[in-house]
Amino acid sequence: MRRTHKANFDYLQHYTYFVPSVPELMILVLWFIAGAVLGNAVSALFPLIMGKGAGMEVGMVVAYPVMFIPPMIYASYRSRKNCLTRTGVKVDSGNFGKSGGLFCAVLAAVGTVSTSFWADGVGSLLPEMPEFLKNILESMVSGNFLVNFLSVSIFAPVFEEWLCRGMVLRGLLSHNVRPGWAIVASALFFAVIHLNPWQAVPAFLMGCLFGLVYYRTGSLKLTMLMHFVNNTFALVLSRVPALEEMESFKDIFPAPLYYVVIGCSVIVTVLVALKFRQIEVKGGQGNLDEVPGLFEQ
């Protein structure tokens, strides 16, 4: 049998033939919840074994991928089961139109940074974050830099994009949910898994941009890059000594300049979104490539 698609991210190929419907997405979410419980249990063991400081850091790194193992095993199993008789849809396609991949990557990175500015402004309208939650979030970026980088900048973009765009959005688009509704629904899911409104509101806004880019390009690599840029930007800012006490960008810019920066960042995001909207969409499921089942070839 001949191969019908070339390797990009090898592990993504395992999920080509699992194109989840809404009921299947619910099952996938249940597996994710089971993984979250397992991940929390694993993370609780390391402080007991290694001591509080190092144990918490190692536990955080280990727990993150553990959380996604159950849904990934389930999705891979379903994909293998379906590959003989069902048409698949690539998790990562990379249809960049005339703009090309490099230009789209630069554009996406710019759009991500600009959105992070005004999304932070929207998030600052919420009531003050509880102290215990502040401490939890600070612990994710204030320990060993390499540990934080691995968790925040590598694991989060890879695993969360696989789930939120590669599974949820791709599944909704492939089952004829209107693109706008599918993008919003996947962004809501992305927001909910952050488990608190102070992260959920910016995550939803970011998720809408990520979803638009995925719909227009079919590229999970591109949304992983955007997620990486966003998280690394936040991680690096948290390491600047002069910004250690910063809670929002309001603490950096004086009031008039702050609102100018927010306004400019909104304009940049709109321009980036409009540029991606110029990429021609092949069908209702967006620029996602179908792959025939082995018996269909």
Protein backbone atom coordinates (compact mmCIF):
# COMPACT_ATOMS: atom_id res chain seq x y z
CA MET A 1 0.00 0.00 0.00
CA ARG A 2 1.35 3.42 -0.88
CA ARG A 3 1.60 6.22 1.64
CA THR A 4 -0.80 9.07 0.95
CA HIS A 5 0.68 11.73 3.18
CA LYS A 6 4.21 12.78 3.98
CA ALA A 7 5.64 12.98 7.47
CA ASN A 8 5.55 16.32 9.23
CA PHE A 9 5.18 15.76 12.95
CA ASP A 10 5.22 11.95 13.01
CA TYR A 11 3.13 11.67 16.13
CA LEU A 12 0.35 13.75 14.55
CA GLN A 13 -0.13 11.12 11.85
CA HIS A 14 -1.46 8.72 14.48
CA TYR A 15 -4.62 10.83 14.76
CA THR A 16 -5.47 11.39 11.09
CA TYR A 17 -8.41 8.97 11.08
CA PHE A 18 -9.93 10.06 14.36
CA VAL A 19 -12.15 12.97 13.34
CA PRO A 20 -14.34 13.30 16.44
CA SER A 21 -18.01 14.15 16.28
CA VAL A 22 -19.58 16.04 19.19
CA PRO A 23 -20.40 12.83 21.15
CA GLU A 24 -16.85 11.57 20.53
CA LEU A 25 -15.47 14.89 21.72
CA MET A 26 -17.39 14.41 24.97
CA ILE A 27 -15.70 11.04 25.44
CA LEU A 28 -12.33 12.64 24.68
CA VAL A 29 -13.02 15.30 27.32
CA LEU A 30 -13.80 12.58 29.87
CA TRP A 31 -10.45 10.97 29.11
CA PHE A 32 -8.82 14.37 29.54
CA ILE A 33 -10.48 14.78 32.95
CA ALA A 34 -9.23 11.33 33.92
CA GLY A 35 -5.75 12.39 32.80
CA ALA A 36 -5.97 15.58 34.86
CA VAL A 37 -6.81 13.53 37.96
CA LEU A 38 -3.92 11.18 37.22
CA GLY A 39 -1.55 14.11 36.57
CA ASN A 40 -2.45 15.77 39.87
CA ALA A 41 -1.89 12.50 41.70
CA VAL A 42 1.51 12.11 40.07
CA SER A 43 2.52 15.70 40.83
CA ALA A 44 1.59 15.21 44.50
CA LEU A 45 4.00 12.28 44.82
CA PHE A 46 7.20 14.09 43.85
CA PRO A 47 7.26 16.59 46.78
CA LEU A 48 6.88 13.62 49.12
CA ILE A 49 9.79 11.81 47.46
CA MET A 50 12.15 14.69 46.62
CA GLY A 51 11.16 17.42 49.04
CA LYS A 52 8.93 20.42 48.49
CA GLY A 53 11.10 22.64 46.27
CA ALA A 54 12.59 20.28 43.68
CA GLY A 55 9.68 17.87 43.98
CA MET A 56 7.12 20.50 42.99
CA GLU A 57 9.16 21.53 39.95
CA VAL A 58 9.72 17.97 38.74
CA GLY A 59 6.13 17.06 39.52
CA MET A 60 4.86 19.94 37.39
CA VAL A 61 6.98 18.85 34.42
CA VAL A 62 5.93 15.21 34.68
CA ALA A 63 2.26 15.87 35.43
CA TYR A 64 1.64 17.97 32.34
CA PRO A 65 2.20 15.29 29.70
CA VAL A 66 0.63 12.65 31.97
CA MET A 67 -2.59 14.67 31.88
CA PHE A 68 -2.81 14.25 28.09
CA ILE A 69 -1.76 10.61 27.86
CA PRO A 70 -5.27 9.08 28.31
CA PRO A 71 -6.98 11.21 25.61
CA MET A 72 -4.04 10.74 23.24
CA ILE A 73 -4.09 6.96 23.68
CA TYR A 74 -7.85 6.93 23.10
CA ALA A 75 -7.59 9.13 19.98
CA SER A 76 -4.74 7.03 18.58
CA TYR A 77 -6.69 3.81 19.16
CA ARG A 78 -9.77 5.21 17.42
CA SER A 79 -7.65 6.45 14.52
CA ARG A 80 -6.05 3.03 13.99
CA LYS A 81 -9.48 1.42 14.13
CA ASN A 82 -10.89 3.80 11.52
CA CYS A 83 -7.95 3.93 9.11
CA LEU A 84 -9.08 1.01 6.93
CA THR A 85 -12.57 2.17 6.08
CA ARG A 86 -12.96 5.86 6.86
CA THR A 87 -11.69 9.04 5.29
CA GLY A 88 -9.31 10.87 7.59
CA VAL A 89 -8.47 14.55 7.98
CA LYS A 90 -4.89 15.58 8.61
CA VAL A 91 -4.25 17.19 11.98
CA ASP A 92 -1.58 19.36 10.35
CA SER A 93 -1.89 20.38 6.70
CA GLY A 94 -0.01 23.63 6.11
CA ASN A 95 -1.97 25.35 3.32
CA PHE A 96 -0.50 28.85 3.41
CA GLY A 97 -1.74 30.12 0.07
CA LYS A 98 0.38 32.60 -1.85
CA SER A 99 1.79 34.09 1.36
CA GLY A 100 4.00 31.10 2.14
CA GLY A 101 4.77 29.46 5.46
CA LEU A 102 7.52 31.84 6.61
CA PHE A 103 5.43 34.97 6.07
CA CYS A 104 2.46 33.36 7.83
CA ALA A 105 4.69 32.39 10.77
CA VAL A 106 5.98 35.96 11.18
CA LEU A 107 2.48 37.37 10.78
CA ALA A 108 1.07 34.92 13.32
CA ALA A 109 3.79 35.78 15.84
CA VAL A 110 3.10 39.51 15.47
CA GLY A 111 -0.62 38.90 15.85
CA THR A 112 -0.03 36.85 18.97
CA VAL A 113 2.04 39.52 20.71
CA SER A 114 -0.41 42.28 19.78
CA THR A 115 -3.36 40.23 21.02
CA SER A 116 -1.58 39.53 24.31
CA PHE A 117 -1.46 43.29 24.98
CA TRP A 118 -5.14 44.05 24.54
CA ALA A 119 -6.25 40.69 25.98
CA ASP A 120 -4.31 41.67 29.10
CA GLY A 121 -6.29 44.91 29.12
CA VAL A 122 -9.57 43.01 28.99
CA GLY A 123 -8.39 40.68 31.75
CA SER A 124 -7.46 43.65 33.95
CA LEU A 125 -11.16 44.57 34.13
CA LEU A 126 -11.81 41.47 36.24
CA PRO A 127 -11.79 41.66 40.06
CA GLU A 128 -8.42 41.21 41.73
CA MET A 129 -7.08 37.67 41.58
CA PRO A 130 -7.17 35.74 44.89
CA GLU A 131 -3.81 35.50 46.64
CA PHE A 132 -3.69 31.68 46.55
CA LEU A 133 -4.16 31.67 42.78
CA LYS A 134 -1.47 34.33 42.36
CA ASN A 135 0.92 32.09 44.27
CA ILE A 136 0.07 29.09 42.10
CA LEU A 137 0.59 30.98 38.86
CA GLU A 138 3.79 32.60 40.10
CA SER A 139 5.17 29.18 41.00
CA MET A 140 4.79 28.18 37.35
CA VAL A 141 7.16 30.91 36.17
CA SER A 142 9.38 31.68 39.15
CA GLY A 143 11.30 28.44 39.67
CA ASN A 144 14.08 26.93 37.59
CA PHE A 145 13.91 28.64 34.19
CA LEU A 146 14.54 25.48 32.16
CA VAL A 147 11.81 23.63 34.07
CA ASN A 148 9.37 26.51 33.57
CA PHE A 149 10.33 26.81 29.90
CA LEU A 150 9.74 23.11 29.32
CA SER A 151 6.32 23.19 30.97
CA VAL A 152 5.05 26.59 29.82
CA SER A 153 6.69 27.04 26.41
CA ILE A 154 6.99 23.47 25.12
CA PHE A 155 4.47 21.15 26.75
CA ALA A 156 1.57 23.63 26.88
CA PRO A 157 1.72 24.63 23.17
CA VAL A 158 2.17 21.06 21.95
CA PHE A 159 -0.44 19.30 24.07
CA GLU A 160 -3.05 22.05 24.32
CA GLU A 161 -2.96 22.79 20.60
CA TRP A 162 -3.28 19.09 19.83
CA LEU A 163 -6.42 18.96 21.96
CA CYS A 164 -8.07 22.35 21.34
CA ARG A 165 -7.33 22.88 17.67
CA GLY A 166 -6.21 19.46 16.42
CA MET A 167 -9.08 17.54 18.01
CA VAL A 168 -11.89 19.92 19.04
CA LEU A 169 -11.77 22.50 16.22
CA ARG A 170 -10.83 19.99 13.52
CA GLY A 171 -13.63 17.68 14.65
CA LEU A 172 -16.26 20.43 14.65
CA LEU A 173 -15.20 21.75 11.25
CA SER A 174 -15.19 18.27 9.75
CA HIS A 175 -18.73 17.62 10.99
CA ASN A 176 -20.17 20.67 9.26
CA VAL A 177 -20.36 23.02 12.22
CA ARG A 178 -20.23 26.57 10.89
CA PRO A 179 -16.63 27.84 11.01
CA GLY A 180 -17.43 30.85 13.24
CA TRP A 181 -19.26 28.72 15.78
CA ALA A 182 -16.57 26.02 15.64
CA ILE A 183 -13.80 28.57 16.30
CA VAL A 184 -15.71 30.13 19.21
CA ALA A 185 -16.56 26.72 20.70
CA SER A 186 -12.93 25.56 20.56
CA ALA A 187 -11.80 28.89 22.08
CA LEU A 188 -14.33 28.43 24.90
CA PHE A 189 -13.02 24.95 25.55
CA PHE A 190 -9.47 26.34 25.55
CA ALA A 191 -10.58 28.95 28.11
CA VAL A 192 -12.39 26.45 30.35
CA ILE A 193 -9.40 24.10 30.72
CA HIS A 194 -7.47 26.96 32.33
CA LEU A 195 -9.91 26.62 35.26
CA ASN A 196 -9.99 30.27 36.34
CA PRO A 197 -11.41 33.45 34.76
CA TRP A 198 -8.16 35.43 35.05
CA GLN A 199 -6.53 33.06 32.57
CA ALA A 200 -9.71 32.00 30.78
CA VAL A 201 -10.64 35.45 29.41
CA PRO A 202 -7.28 36.08 27.65
CA ALA A 203 -7.18 32.40 26.62
CA PHE A 204 -10.58 32.72 24.93
CA LEU A 205 -9.46 35.79 22.98
CA MET A 206 -6.20 34.11 22.01
CA GLY A 207 -8.11 30.94 21.14
CA CYS A 208 -10.28 32.81 18.66
CA LEU A 209 -7.17 34.04 16.83
CA PHE A 210 -5.54 30.58 16.97
CA GLY A 211 -8.76 29.05 15.64
CA LEU A 212 -8.98 31.48 12.73
CA VAL A 213 -5.39 30.72 11.76
CA TYR A 214 -5.98 26.96 11.98
CA TYR A 215 -9.17 27.20 9.92
CA ARG A 216 -7.47 29.24 7.21
CA THR A 217 -4.15 27.33 7.04
CA GLY A 218 -4.85 23.90 8.51
CA SER A 219 -1.46 24.23 10.23
CA LEU A 220 -1.20 22.98 13.78
CA LYS A 221 2.50 23.80 13.70
CA LEU A 222 1.54 27.44 13.20
CA THR A 223 -0.83 27.54 16.18
CA MET A 224 1.79 25.75 18.28
CA LEU A 225 4.22 28.51 17.31
CA MET A 226 1.67 31.17 18.29
CA HIS A 227 1.04 29.46 21.63
CA PHE A 228 4.82 29.21 22.16
CA VAL A 229 5.28 32.93 21.42
CA ASN A 230 2.50 33.93 23.82
CA ASN A 231 3.68 31.76 26.71
CA THR A 232 7.38 32.52 26.24
CA PHE A 233 6.63 36.25 26.05
CA ALA A 234 4.86 36.02 29.41
CA LEU A 235 7.60 33.83 30.89
CA VAL A 236 10.39 36.19 29.84
CA LEU A 237 8.53 39.25 31.16
CA SER A 238 8.09 37.50 34.51
CA ARG A 239 11.89 37.11 34.73
CA VAL A 240 12.68 40.81 34.26
CA PRO A 241 13.53 42.10 37.77
CA ALA A 242 11.93 45.51 37.18
CA LEU A 243 8.65 43.80 36.23
CA GLU A 244 8.43 41.25 39.04
CA GLU A 245 5.54 43.07 40.69
CA MET A 246 3.71 43.72 37.43
CA GLU A 247 0.13 42.48 37.37
CA SER A 248 -0.81 43.95 33.98
CA PHE A 249 0.68 46.21 31.33
CA LYS A 250 -0.98 49.11 33.15
CA ASP A 251 1.92 48.86 35.59
CA ILE A 252 4.43 49.54 32.79
CA PHE A 253 2.89 52.33 30.73
CA PRO A 254 1.48 55.59 32.06
CA ALA A 255 -2.28 55.95 31.54
CA PRO A 256 -2.39 57.91 28.24
CA LEU A 257 0.33 55.81 26.60
CA TYR A 258 -1.23 52.57 27.88
CA TYR A 259 -4.50 53.25 26.04
CA VAL A 260 -2.60 54.21 22.89
CA VAL A 261 -0.69 50.90 23.04
CA ILE A 262 -3.93 48.96 23.60
CA GLY A 263 -5.60 50.72 20.66
CA CYS A 264 -2.63 50.06 18.37
CA SER A 265 -2.46 46.42 19.41
CA VAL A 266 -6.16 45.96 18.57
CA ILE A 267 -5.55 47.45 15.12
CA VAL A 268 -2.58 45.14 14.52
CA THR A 269 -4.62 42.08 15.54
CA VAL A 270 -7.46 43.09 13.18
CA LEU A 271 -5.00 43.58 10.30
CA VAL A 272 -3.40 40.18 10.97
CA ALA A 273 -6.81 38.49 11.11
CA LEU A 274 -7.85 40.16 7.84
CA LYS A 275 -4.63 39.01 6.18
CA PHE A 276 -5.27 35.40 7.21
CA ARG A 277 -8.86 35.71 5.98
CA GLN A 278 -7.44 36.39 2.52
CA ILE A 279 -6.16 32.80 2.34
CA GLU A 280 -8.71 30.99 0.20
CA VAL A 281 -10.63 28.24 1.99
CA LYS A 282 -11.08 25.01 0.05
CA GLY A 283 -14.30 23.87 1.70
CA GLY A 284 -16.56 24.01 4.73
CA GLN A 285 -13.96 22.27 6.87
CA GLY A 286 -11.35 24.91 6.07
CA ASN A 287 -7.92 24.17 4.66
CA LEU A 288 -7.71 20.73 6.23
CA ASP A 289 -6.56 17.94 3.92
CA GLU A 290 -8.60 14.76 3.67
CA VAL A 291 -6.84 11.39 3.48
CA PRO A 292 -8.70 8.34 2.12
CA GLY A 293 -8.96 5.18 4.22
CA LEU A 294 -6.69 2.33 3.15
CA PHE A 295 -9.54 0.42 1.49
CA GLU A 296 -10.56 3.57 -0.38
CA GLN A 297 -7.23 4.02 -2.10
